[in-house]
Amino acid sequence: MQKLVFFVGVAGTGKTTVAREVAAKVPCAFLDRDTVGGRFVERFLEKEGLDKDDRDSKFYKEHLRDLEYDTTKDICIENLSVGQNVFMISPFTSELKSKQWLEEVLEQSGRTKENTDVKVVIVTLNDIDKQKKRIEDRGTVRDTWKLQNWDSYEDRVHFIPTINWDIPANNKYTFDNSGKLSKEKVSTLVNFIQSS
């Protein structure tokens, strides 16, 4: 059974770190949306006279956000169509709400839910101080708004995205990434992904 796994969650929860540890145990195409579109987005923002790290600007949201996500989606489809497992890393907030989005990915890759196991790992971080420190340590301008408005942003710590995809309830797993990312925790995630 081919695996299509989404690692989602708000900034600073450690989605990429968690996904990397699991990917070391589960062969896959590893698609972090920041990596896929980052260089292009930065260049476009600079050409517009905007900060290259700003992902909160109106220009980014209107002209670049969907471009990044759609490009990542296309690479996902390409990898699925040749039989690869795929890990997708990003918040995917809008995409999770659209039942049609997942259906299009499967249809365009020539896959079905009968031969592709779709799972969502929702990475959370119950330790709010640790989440803030992770964001501060990243030192990116794109996190400036979050840090300047931390009291408002803090309300999103336990945010669980709306998932309207037609997948079984037990194909969604909420993972608290507080504390050390131990071998046992990684093993639990690997078992979740590999289970049918």
N, C-alpha and C. Protein backbone atom coordinates (compact mmCIF):
# COMPACT_ATOMS: atom_id res chain seq x y z
N MET A 1 0.86 -1.20 0.00
CA MET A 1 0.00 0.00 0.00
C MET A 1 0.89 1.24 0.00
N GLN A 2 0.70 2.08 -0.99
CA GLN A 2 1.47 3.32 -1.08
C GLN A 2 1.01 4.30 0.00
N LYS A 3 1.93 5.09 0.53
CA LYS A 3 1.63 6.01 1.62
C LYS A 3 1.72 7.46 1.17
N LEU A 4 0.69 8.24 1.51
CA LEU A 4 0.69 9.69 1.32
C LEU A 4 0.41 10.29 2.68
N VAL A 5 1.43 10.90 3.28
CA VAL A 5 1.33 11.35 4.67
C VAL A 5 1.56 12.85 4.75
N PHE A 6 0.65 13.53 5.43
CA PHE A 6 0.74 14.98 5.62
C PHE A 6 1.13 15.26 7.07
N PHE A 7 2.17 16.07 7.25
CA PHE A 7 2.58 16.53 8.58
C PHE A 7 2.17 18.00 8.65
N VAL A 8 1.15 18.29 9.47
CA VAL A 8 0.57 19.63 9.52
C VAL A 8 0.64 20.18 10.94
N GLY A 9 0.44 21.49 11.06
CA GLY A 9 0.46 22.13 12.37
C GLY A 9 0.94 23.56 12.24
N VAL A 10 0.78 24.34 13.29
CA VAL A 10 1.17 25.75 13.26
C VAL A 10 2.68 25.87 13.39
N ALA A 11 3.19 27.09 13.15
CA ALA A 11 4.63 27.35 13.19
C ALA A 11 5.22 27.01 14.55
N GLY A 12 6.41 26.45 14.54
CA GLY A 12 7.14 26.19 15.76
C GLY A 12 6.83 24.88 16.45
N THR A 13 5.95 24.07 15.88
CA THR A 13 5.62 22.80 16.51
C THR A 13 6.63 21.70 16.17
N GLY A 14 7.43 21.93 15.14
CA GLY A 14 8.45 20.94 14.79
C GLY A 14 8.01 19.94 13.74
N LYS A 15 7.13 20.35 12.83
CA LYS A 15 6.62 19.45 11.79
C LYS A 15 7.75 18.80 10.99
N THR A 16 8.68 19.64 10.53
CA THR A 16 9.76 19.14 9.67
C THR A 16 10.68 18.20 10.43
N THR A 17 11.01 18.55 11.65
CA THR A 17 11.88 17.70 12.47
C THR A 17 11.25 16.33 12.68
N VAL A 18 9.98 16.33 13.03
CA VAL A 18 9.26 15.06 13.25
C VAL A 18 9.22 14.25 11.96
N ALA A 19 8.87 14.90 10.86
CA ALA A 19 8.77 14.20 9.58
C ALA A 19 10.11 13.62 9.15
N ARG A 20 11.20 14.35 9.39
CA ARG A 20 12.54 13.85 9.04
C ARG A 20 12.88 12.57 9.80
N GLU A 21 12.55 12.55 11.07
CA GLU A 21 12.85 11.36 11.87
C GLU A 21 12.06 10.15 11.37
N VAL A 22 10.82 10.38 11.01
CA VAL A 22 9.99 9.28 10.50
C VAL A 22 10.46 8.84 9.12
N ALA A 23 10.87 9.81 8.30
CA ALA A 23 11.32 9.51 6.94
C ALA A 23 12.58 8.65 6.94
N ALA A 24 13.35 8.71 8.01
CA ALA A 24 14.53 7.86 8.11
C ALA A 24 14.15 6.39 8.24
N LYS A 25 12.88 6.14 8.61
CA LYS A 25 12.39 4.77 8.80
C LYS A 25 11.43 4.33 7.70
N VAL A 26 10.85 5.30 7.00
CA VAL A 26 9.86 5.01 5.96
C VAL A 26 10.32 5.68 4.66
N PRO A 27 10.83 4.94 3.69
CA PRO A 27 11.30 5.56 2.44
C PRO A 27 10.20 6.38 1.78
N CYS A 28 10.56 7.60 1.34
CA CYS A 28 9.53 8.47 0.78
C CYS A 28 10.17 9.62 0.00
N ALA A 29 9.36 10.26 -0.83
CA ALA A 29 9.71 11.57 -1.37
C ALA A 29 9.32 12.57 -0.29
N PHE A 30 10.26 13.42 0.12
CA PHE A 30 10.09 14.31 1.26
C PHE A 30 9.87 15.72 0.73
N LEU A 31 8.63 16.22 0.82
CA LEU A 31 8.28 17.50 0.22
C LEU A 31 7.88 18.53 1.27
N ASP A 32 8.85 19.33 1.67
CA ASP A 32 8.59 20.44 2.58
C ASP A 32 8.26 21.65 1.72
N ARG A 33 7.08 22.20 1.87
CA ARG A 33 6.64 23.30 1.02
C ARG A 33 7.58 24.50 1.08
N ASP A 34 8.19 24.76 2.24
CA ASP A 34 9.15 25.86 2.36
C ASP A 34 10.34 25.64 1.44
N THR A 35 10.80 24.41 1.34
CA THR A 35 11.94 24.10 0.49
C THR A 35 11.56 24.16 -0.98
N VAL A 36 10.40 23.62 -1.30
CA VAL A 36 9.94 23.58 -2.69
C VAL A 36 9.84 24.99 -3.28
N GLY A 37 9.23 25.91 -2.56
CA GLY A 37 8.98 27.23 -3.12
C GLY A 37 9.79 28.37 -2.56
N GLY A 38 10.56 28.09 -1.52
CA GLY A 38 11.24 29.16 -0.79
C GLY A 38 12.06 30.13 -1.61
N ARG A 39 12.95 29.62 -2.45
CA ARG A 39 13.84 30.49 -3.22
C ARG A 39 13.05 31.37 -4.19
N PHE A 40 12.04 30.79 -4.83
CA PHE A 40 11.24 31.54 -5.79
C PHE A 40 10.44 32.63 -5.09
N VAL A 41 9.82 32.27 -3.96
CA VAL A 41 9.02 33.23 -3.20
C VAL A 41 9.90 34.39 -2.74
N GLU A 42 11.08 34.08 -2.23
CA GLU A 42 11.99 35.14 -1.78
C GLU A 42 12.34 36.10 -2.91
N ARG A 43 12.63 35.54 -4.10
CA ARG A 43 12.99 36.39 -5.24
C ARG A 43 11.83 37.30 -5.65
N PHE A 44 10.62 36.74 -5.70
CA PHE A 44 9.45 37.54 -6.06
C PHE A 44 9.20 38.65 -5.05
N LEU A 45 9.31 38.32 -3.76
CA LEU A 45 9.08 39.33 -2.73
C LEU A 45 10.11 40.45 -2.82
N GLU A 46 11.37 40.09 -3.05
CA GLU A 46 12.42 41.10 -3.18
C GLU A 46 12.17 42.00 -4.38
N LYS A 47 11.72 41.40 -5.50
CA LYS A 47 11.43 42.20 -6.71
C LYS A 47 10.30 43.19 -6.47
N GLU A 48 9.41 42.85 -5.53
CA GLU A 48 8.31 43.75 -5.19
C GLU A 48 8.70 44.76 -4.11
N GLY A 49 9.97 44.69 -3.68
CA GLY A 49 10.43 45.60 -2.63
C GLY A 49 9.97 45.20 -1.25
N LEU A 50 9.59 43.94 -1.10
CA LEU A 50 9.12 43.43 0.19
C LEU A 50 10.18 42.58 0.84
N ASP A 51 9.99 42.34 2.13
CA ASP A 51 10.94 41.49 2.84
C ASP A 51 10.82 40.06 2.34
N LYS A 52 11.94 39.45 2.02
CA LYS A 52 11.93 38.11 1.42
C LYS A 52 11.39 37.04 2.36
N ASP A 53 11.36 37.31 3.66
CA ASP A 53 10.88 36.33 4.62
C ASP A 53 9.43 36.56 5.06
N ASP A 54 8.79 37.58 4.50
CA ASP A 54 7.44 37.94 4.95
C ASP A 54 6.40 37.04 4.29
N ARG A 55 5.75 36.20 5.10
CA ARG A 55 4.67 35.34 4.60
C ARG A 55 3.30 35.80 5.10
N ASP A 56 3.27 37.02 5.66
CA ASP A 56 2.01 37.57 6.15
C ASP A 56 1.52 38.72 5.27
N SER A 57 2.33 39.12 4.27
CA SER A 57 1.93 40.26 3.45
C SER A 57 0.75 39.91 2.55
N LYS A 58 0.01 40.94 2.20
CA LYS A 58 -1.12 40.77 1.29
C LYS A 58 -0.62 40.26 -0.06
N PHE A 59 0.53 40.77 -0.52
CA PHE A 59 1.08 40.35 -1.81
C PHE A 59 1.38 38.85 -1.81
N TYR A 60 2.01 38.37 -0.74
CA TYR A 60 2.32 36.93 -0.67
C TYR A 60 1.03 36.12 -0.72
N LYS A 61 0.07 36.50 0.08
CA LYS A 61 -1.17 35.71 0.17
C LYS A 61 -1.95 35.73 -1.14
N GLU A 62 -1.91 36.85 -1.85
CA GLU A 62 -2.68 36.95 -3.09
C GLU A 62 -1.97 36.34 -4.30
N HIS A 63 -0.63 36.40 -4.33
CA HIS A 63 0.09 36.02 -5.53
C HIS A 63 1.01 34.81 -5.40
N LEU A 64 1.45 34.49 -4.19
CA LEU A 64 2.49 33.48 -4.05
C LEU A 64 2.10 32.25 -3.23
N ARG A 65 1.19 32.45 -2.30
CA ARG A 65 0.82 31.35 -1.40
C ARG A 65 0.34 30.13 -2.18
N ASP A 66 -0.64 30.30 -3.05
CA ASP A 66 -1.18 29.17 -3.80
C ASP A 66 -0.17 28.62 -4.79
N LEU A 67 0.69 29.49 -5.31
CA LEU A 67 1.74 29.04 -6.24
C LEU A 67 2.67 28.05 -5.55
N GLU A 68 3.05 28.36 -4.32
CA GLU A 68 3.91 27.44 -3.54
C GLU A 68 3.21 26.11 -3.29
N TYR A 69 1.97 26.19 -2.82
CA TYR A 69 1.24 24.98 -2.48
C TYR A 69 0.92 24.15 -3.73
N ASP A 70 0.56 24.82 -4.82
CA ASP A 70 0.23 24.08 -6.04
C ASP A 70 1.46 23.41 -6.65
N THR A 71 2.61 24.06 -6.54
CA THR A 71 3.84 23.45 -7.05
C THR A 71 4.19 22.21 -6.22
N THR A 72 4.05 22.31 -4.92
CA THR A 72 4.30 21.16 -4.05
C THR A 72 3.32 20.04 -4.38
N LYS A 73 2.09 20.40 -4.63
CA LYS A 73 1.07 19.42 -5.02
C LYS A 73 1.46 18.71 -6.32
N ASP A 74 1.93 19.47 -7.31
CA ASP A 74 2.33 18.87 -8.59
C ASP A 74 3.48 17.87 -8.41
N ILE A 75 4.44 18.22 -7.57
CA ILE A 75 5.57 17.31 -7.33
C ILE A 75 5.09 16.06 -6.60
N CYS A 76 4.14 16.25 -5.69
CA CYS A 76 3.52 15.12 -4.99
C CYS A 76 2.86 14.17 -5.99
N ILE A 77 2.06 14.74 -6.89
CA ILE A 77 1.35 13.94 -7.89
C ILE A 77 2.34 13.15 -8.75
N GLU A 78 3.40 13.81 -9.15
CA GLU A 78 4.42 13.16 -9.98
C GLU A 78 5.04 11.97 -9.26
N ASN A 79 5.36 12.14 -7.99
CA ASN A 79 5.97 11.06 -7.22
C ASN A 79 4.99 9.93 -6.94
N LEU A 80 3.74 10.28 -6.63
CA LEU A 80 2.73 9.24 -6.42
C LEU A 80 2.54 8.41 -7.69
N SER A 81 2.54 9.09 -8.83
CA SER A 81 2.25 8.40 -10.10
C SER A 81 3.32 7.38 -10.47
N VAL A 82 4.54 7.53 -9.92
CA VAL A 82 5.60 6.55 -10.21
C VAL A 82 5.81 5.58 -9.05
N GLY A 83 4.86 5.59 -8.10
CA GLY A 83 4.87 4.57 -7.05
C GLY A 83 5.61 4.91 -5.78
N GLN A 84 5.99 6.18 -5.59
CA GLN A 84 6.70 6.58 -4.38
C GLN A 84 5.74 6.87 -3.23
N ASN A 85 6.15 6.56 -2.01
CA ASN A 85 5.49 7.11 -0.83
C ASN A 85 5.83 8.60 -0.82
N VAL A 86 4.92 9.43 -0.31
CA VAL A 86 5.18 10.87 -0.27
C VAL A 86 4.84 11.42 1.12
N PHE A 87 5.78 12.20 1.67
CA PHE A 87 5.53 12.96 2.90
C PHE A 87 5.39 14.43 2.49
N MET A 88 4.32 15.07 2.93
CA MET A 88 4.06 16.48 2.64
C MET A 88 4.10 17.26 3.95
N ILE A 89 4.94 18.32 4.02
CA ILE A 89 5.11 19.06 5.25
C ILE A 89 4.76 20.53 5.05
N SER A 90 3.74 21.01 5.73
CA SER A 90 3.29 22.39 5.69
C SER A 90 1.97 22.47 6.46
N PRO A 91 1.49 23.67 6.79
CA PRO A 91 0.20 23.73 7.49
C PRO A 91 -0.98 23.19 6.68
N PHE A 92 -1.02 23.43 5.36
CA PHE A 92 -2.10 22.93 4.49
C PHE A 92 -3.49 23.27 5.02
N THR A 93 -3.62 24.40 5.71
CA THR A 93 -4.88 24.73 6.35
C THR A 93 -6.05 24.79 5.37
N SER A 94 -5.89 25.53 4.27
CA SER A 94 -6.97 25.64 3.29
C SER A 94 -7.21 24.32 2.58
N GLU A 95 -6.13 23.62 2.25
CA GLU A 95 -6.23 22.37 1.50
C GLU A 95 -6.96 21.30 2.31
N LEU A 96 -6.72 21.24 3.60
CA LEU A 96 -7.38 20.26 4.45
C LEU A 96 -8.90 20.47 4.49
N LYS A 97 -9.31 21.71 4.32
CA LYS A 97 -10.74 22.02 4.36
C LYS A 97 -11.47 21.60 3.08
N SER A 98 -10.69 21.43 2.00
CA SER A 98 -11.30 21.13 0.70
C SER A 98 -11.28 19.64 0.42
N LYS A 99 -12.44 19.03 0.46
CA LYS A 99 -12.55 17.60 0.15
C LYS A 99 -12.04 17.31 -1.26
N GLN A 100 -12.29 18.23 -2.18
CA GLN A 100 -11.91 18.04 -3.57
C GLN A 100 -10.41 18.04 -3.78
N TRP A 101 -9.67 18.77 -2.94
CA TRP A 101 -8.21 18.89 -3.11
C TRP A 101 -7.55 17.52 -3.10
N LEU A 102 -7.86 16.71 -2.11
CA LEU A 102 -7.27 15.37 -2.02
C LEU A 102 -7.73 14.49 -3.17
N GLU A 103 -8.99 14.60 -3.52
CA GLU A 103 -9.51 13.80 -4.63
C GLU A 103 -8.75 14.10 -5.92
N GLU A 104 -8.43 15.38 -6.13
CA GLU A 104 -7.68 15.77 -7.33
C GLU A 104 -6.27 15.20 -7.31
N VAL A 105 -5.63 15.23 -6.15
CA VAL A 105 -4.28 14.68 -6.04
C VAL A 105 -4.27 13.20 -6.44
N LEU A 106 -5.21 12.46 -5.90
CA LEU A 106 -5.26 11.02 -6.19
C LEU A 106 -5.62 10.77 -7.65
N GLU A 107 -6.62 11.49 -8.14
CA GLU A 107 -7.05 11.28 -9.53
C GLU A 107 -5.94 11.61 -10.52
N GLN A 108 -5.28 12.75 -10.31
CA GLN A 108 -4.24 13.18 -11.24
C GLN A 108 -2.99 12.31 -11.18
N SER A 109 -2.81 11.60 -10.09
CA SER A 109 -1.65 10.71 -9.97
C SER A 109 -2.00 9.28 -10.39
N GLY A 110 -3.26 9.06 -10.75
CA GLY A 110 -3.68 7.72 -11.15
C GLY A 110 -3.81 6.77 -9.98
N ARG A 111 -4.01 7.34 -8.80
CA ARG A 111 -4.11 6.53 -7.58
C ARG A 111 -5.55 6.58 -7.07
N THR A 112 -5.86 5.69 -6.14
CA THR A 112 -7.17 5.67 -5.49
C THR A 112 -6.96 5.45 -4.00
N LYS A 113 -8.03 5.58 -3.23
CA LYS A 113 -7.93 5.32 -1.79
C LYS A 113 -7.79 3.84 -1.51
N GLU A 114 -8.07 3.02 -2.51
CA GLU A 114 -7.90 1.57 -2.34
C GLU A 114 -6.42 1.17 -2.42
N ASN A 115 -5.61 1.96 -3.15
CA ASN A 115 -4.19 1.58 -3.27
C ASN A 115 -3.25 2.64 -2.69
N THR A 116 -3.84 3.70 -2.08
CA THR A 116 -3.02 4.75 -1.46
C THR A 116 -3.57 5.05 -0.08
N ASP A 117 -2.74 4.86 0.92
CA ASP A 117 -3.12 5.09 2.30
C ASP A 117 -2.80 6.53 2.67
N VAL A 118 -3.84 7.36 2.82
CA VAL A 118 -3.65 8.78 3.13
C VAL A 118 -3.78 8.98 4.64
N LYS A 119 -2.75 9.59 5.23
CA LYS A 119 -2.77 9.83 6.68
C LYS A 119 -2.35 11.26 6.97
N VAL A 120 -2.83 11.78 8.09
CA VAL A 120 -2.50 13.14 8.52
C VAL A 120 -1.95 13.07 9.94
N VAL A 121 -0.73 13.58 10.12
CA VAL A 121 -0.14 13.73 11.44
C VAL A 121 -0.22 15.20 11.80
N ILE A 122 -1.01 15.50 12.84
CA ILE A 122 -1.17 16.88 13.30
C ILE A 122 -0.18 17.09 14.43
N VAL A 123 0.86 17.87 14.14
CA VAL A 123 1.92 18.08 15.13
C VAL A 123 1.56 19.29 15.99
N THR A 124 1.46 19.06 17.30
CA THR A 124 1.15 20.12 18.25
C THR A 124 2.29 20.23 19.24
N LEU A 125 2.24 21.25 20.06
CA LEU A 125 3.27 21.45 21.08
C LEU A 125 2.60 22.05 22.31
N ASN A 126 2.30 21.21 23.28
CA ASN A 126 1.60 21.68 24.47
C ASN A 126 2.44 22.61 25.32
N ASP A 127 3.77 22.54 25.16
CA ASP A 127 4.68 23.41 25.91
C ASP A 127 4.79 24.74 25.16
N ILE A 128 3.99 25.73 25.55
CA ILE A 128 3.92 27.00 24.84
C ILE A 128 5.25 27.75 24.89
N ASP A 129 5.97 27.65 26.00
CA ASP A 129 7.26 28.34 26.11
C ASP A 129 8.27 27.76 25.13
N LYS A 130 8.21 26.44 24.98
CA LYS A 130 9.12 25.79 24.04
C LYS A 130 8.79 26.19 22.60
N GLN A 131 7.51 26.30 22.31
CA GLN A 131 7.11 26.70 20.96
C GLN A 131 7.61 28.11 20.66
N LYS A 132 7.46 29.02 21.62
CA LYS A 132 7.93 30.39 21.40
C LYS A 132 9.44 30.42 21.21
N LYS A 133 10.16 29.63 22.00
CA LYS A 133 11.62 29.60 21.87
C LYS A 133 12.04 29.06 20.51
N ARG A 134 11.35 28.03 20.02
CA ARG A 134 11.68 27.49 18.70
C ARG A 134 11.50 28.55 17.62
N ILE A 135 10.42 29.32 17.73
CA ILE A 135 10.16 30.37 16.74
C ILE A 135 11.22 31.46 16.85
N GLU A 136 11.57 31.84 18.08
CA GLU A 136 12.62 32.85 18.28
C GLU A 136 13.95 32.37 17.73
N ASP A 137 14.28 31.10 17.99
CA ASP A 137 15.57 30.54 17.56
C ASP A 137 15.68 30.47 16.04
N ARG A 138 14.53 30.34 15.35
CA ARG A 138 14.58 30.31 13.88
C ARG A 138 15.06 31.65 13.34
N GLY A 139 14.70 32.71 14.04
CA GLY A 139 15.17 34.04 13.68
C GLY A 139 14.74 34.55 12.33
N THR A 140 13.57 34.13 11.84
CA THR A 140 13.13 34.58 10.52
C THR A 140 12.15 35.75 10.67
N VAL A 141 12.24 36.67 9.73
CA VAL A 141 11.37 37.84 9.75
C VAL A 141 9.91 37.42 9.62
N ARG A 142 9.67 36.30 8.92
CA ARG A 142 8.29 35.86 8.72
C ARG A 142 7.58 35.57 10.04
N ASP A 143 8.36 35.38 11.12
CA ASP A 143 7.76 35.10 12.42
C ASP A 143 7.58 36.35 13.28
N THR A 144 7.97 37.51 12.75
CA THR A 144 7.91 38.76 13.53
C THR A 144 6.51 39.02 14.06
N TRP A 145 5.51 38.91 13.17
CA TRP A 145 4.14 39.19 13.61
C TRP A 145 3.73 38.26 14.73
N LYS A 146 4.07 36.97 14.60
CA LYS A 146 3.69 36.00 15.63
C LYS A 146 4.27 36.41 16.99
N LEU A 147 5.54 36.80 16.99
CA LEU A 147 6.21 37.12 18.25
C LEU A 147 5.70 38.45 18.83
N GLN A 148 5.42 39.42 17.96
CA GLN A 148 4.92 40.71 18.43
C GLN A 148 3.48 40.61 18.93
N ASN A 149 2.76 39.62 18.47
CA ASN A 149 1.36 39.43 18.86
C ASN A 149 1.19 38.07 19.55
N TRP A 150 2.14 37.75 20.40
CA TRP A 150 2.20 36.40 20.95
C TRP A 150 0.94 36.02 21.73
N ASP A 151 0.37 36.95 22.46
CA ASP A 151 -0.83 36.62 23.24
C ASP A 151 -1.96 36.14 22.33
N SER A 152 -2.10 36.78 21.17
CA SER A 152 -3.11 36.35 20.22
C SER A 152 -2.72 35.03 19.57
N TYR A 153 -1.43 34.93 19.22
CA TYR A 153 -0.96 33.73 18.54
C TYR A 153 -1.02 32.52 19.46
N GLU A 154 -0.81 32.77 20.75
CA GLU A 154 -0.80 31.68 21.74
C GLU A 154 -2.11 30.92 21.75
N ASP A 155 -3.20 31.61 21.38
CA ASP A 155 -4.51 30.95 21.34
C ASP A 155 -4.53 29.81 20.32
N ARG A 156 -3.57 29.83 19.37
CA ARG A 156 -3.55 28.82 18.31
C ARG A 156 -2.70 27.60 18.67
N VAL A 157 -2.11 27.60 19.85
CA VAL A 157 -1.21 26.51 20.21
C VAL A 157 -1.89 25.16 20.10
N HIS A 158 -3.10 25.08 20.58
CA HIS A 158 -3.81 23.80 20.55
C HIS A 158 -4.71 23.69 19.32
N PHE A 159 -4.40 24.51 18.33
CA PHE A 159 -5.20 24.52 17.11
C PHE A 159 -5.14 23.18 16.40
N ILE A 160 -6.30 22.61 16.16
CA ILE A 160 -6.41 21.38 15.37
C ILE A 160 -7.14 21.77 14.09
N PRO A 161 -6.49 21.61 12.94
CA PRO A 161 -7.11 22.06 11.70
C PRO A 161 -8.37 21.27 11.36
N THR A 162 -9.26 21.94 10.65
CA THR A 162 -10.44 21.26 10.13
C THR A 162 -9.99 20.37 8.98
N ILE A 163 -10.35 19.10 9.04
CA ILE A 163 -9.98 18.14 7.99
C ILE A 163 -11.27 17.60 7.37
N ASN A 164 -11.56 18.04 6.16
CA ASN A 164 -12.78 17.62 5.48
C ASN A 164 -12.53 16.51 4.46
N TRP A 165 -11.35 15.95 4.48
CA TRP A 165 -11.04 14.89 3.52
C TRP A 165 -11.79 13.62 3.88
N ASP A 166 -12.11 12.86 2.87
CA ASP A 166 -12.83 11.60 3.04
C ASP A 166 -11.83 10.48 3.35
N ILE A 167 -11.32 10.52 4.59
CA ILE A 167 -10.41 9.47 5.06
C ILE A 167 -10.90 8.99 6.42
N PRO A 168 -10.57 7.76 6.79
CA PRO A 168 -11.04 7.25 8.09
C PRO A 168 -10.53 8.09 9.26
N ALA A 169 -11.32 8.15 10.32
CA ALA A 169 -10.94 8.93 11.50
C ALA A 169 -9.62 8.44 12.08
N ASN A 170 -9.37 7.13 12.01
CA ASN A 170 -8.14 6.61 12.59
C ASN A 170 -6.92 6.82 11.69
N ASN A 171 -7.11 7.54 10.57
CA ASN A 171 -5.98 7.93 9.72
C ASN A 171 -5.50 9.34 10.05
N LYS A 172 -6.04 9.88 11.16
CA LYS A 172 -5.61 11.19 11.65
C LYS A 172 -5.01 10.98 13.04
N TYR A 173 -3.83 11.53 13.25
CA TYR A 173 -3.14 11.31 14.52
C TYR A 173 -2.61 12.65 15.03
N THR A 174 -3.01 13.02 16.24
CA THR A 174 -2.50 14.24 16.86
C THR A 174 -1.29 13.88 17.71
N PHE A 175 -0.16 14.49 17.38
CA PHE A 175 1.12 14.16 18.02
C PHE A 175 1.64 15.37 18.78
N ASP A 176 1.76 15.23 20.12
CA ASP A 176 2.32 16.30 20.94
C ASP A 176 3.84 16.19 20.91
N ASN A 177 4.48 17.20 20.33
CA ASN A 177 5.93 17.18 20.15
C ASN A 177 6.67 17.85 21.31
N SER A 178 6.03 17.93 22.48
CA SER A 178 6.72 18.46 23.65
C SER A 178 7.72 17.42 24.14
N GLY A 179 8.76 17.88 24.81
CA GLY A 179 9.75 16.96 25.34
C GLY A 179 10.65 16.41 24.24
N LYS A 180 11.49 15.47 24.61
CA LYS A 180 12.45 14.89 23.66
C LYS A 180 11.72 14.03 22.63
N LEU A 181 12.16 14.14 21.38
CA LEU A 181 11.61 13.29 20.32
C LEU A 181 12.35 11.95 20.39
N SER A 182 11.86 11.08 21.27
CA SER A 182 12.53 9.82 21.57
C SER A 182 12.31 8.78 20.48
N LYS A 183 13.10 7.72 20.54
CA LYS A 183 12.94 6.60 19.60
C LYS A 183 11.55 6.00 19.74
N GLU A 184 11.04 5.97 20.97
CA GLU A 184 9.72 5.41 21.22
C GLU A 184 8.63 6.24 20.53
N LYS A 185 8.75 7.57 20.62
CA LYS A 185 7.77 8.44 19.97
C LYS A 185 7.82 8.29 18.45
N VAL A 186 9.04 8.24 17.91
CA VAL A 186 9.20 8.06 16.47
C VAL A 186 8.62 6.72 16.05
N SER A 187 8.87 5.69 16.85
CA SER A 187 8.36 4.35 16.55
C SER A 187 6.84 4.34 16.53
N THR A 188 6.21 5.09 17.45
CA THR A 188 4.75 5.18 17.47
C THR A 188 4.23 5.77 16.17
N LEU A 189 4.89 6.81 15.69
CA LEU A 189 4.48 7.45 14.43
C LEU A 189 4.71 6.52 13.24
N VAL A 190 5.83 5.83 13.23
CA VAL A 190 6.12 4.89 12.14
C VAL A 190 5.05 3.80 12.11
N ASN A 191 4.69 3.29 13.27
CA ASN A 191 3.65 2.25 13.34
C ASN A 191 2.30 2.79 12.84
N PHE A 192 1.99 4.02 13.20
CA PHE A 192 0.75 4.65 12.74
C PHE A 192 0.74 4.74 11.20
N ILE A 193 1.85 5.17 10.64
CA ILE A 193 1.93 5.34 9.18
C ILE A 193 1.93 4.01 8.45
N GLN A 194 2.60 3.04 9.01
CA GLN A 194 2.72 1.75 8.31
C GLN A 194 1.51 0.85 8.51
N SER A 195 0.68 1.16 9.52
CA SER A 195 -0.50 0.32 9.75
C SER A 195 -1.50 0.51 8.62
N SER A 196 -2.28 -0.53 8.36
CA SER A 196 -3.26 -0.41 7.26
C SER A 196 -4.67 -0.29 7.82
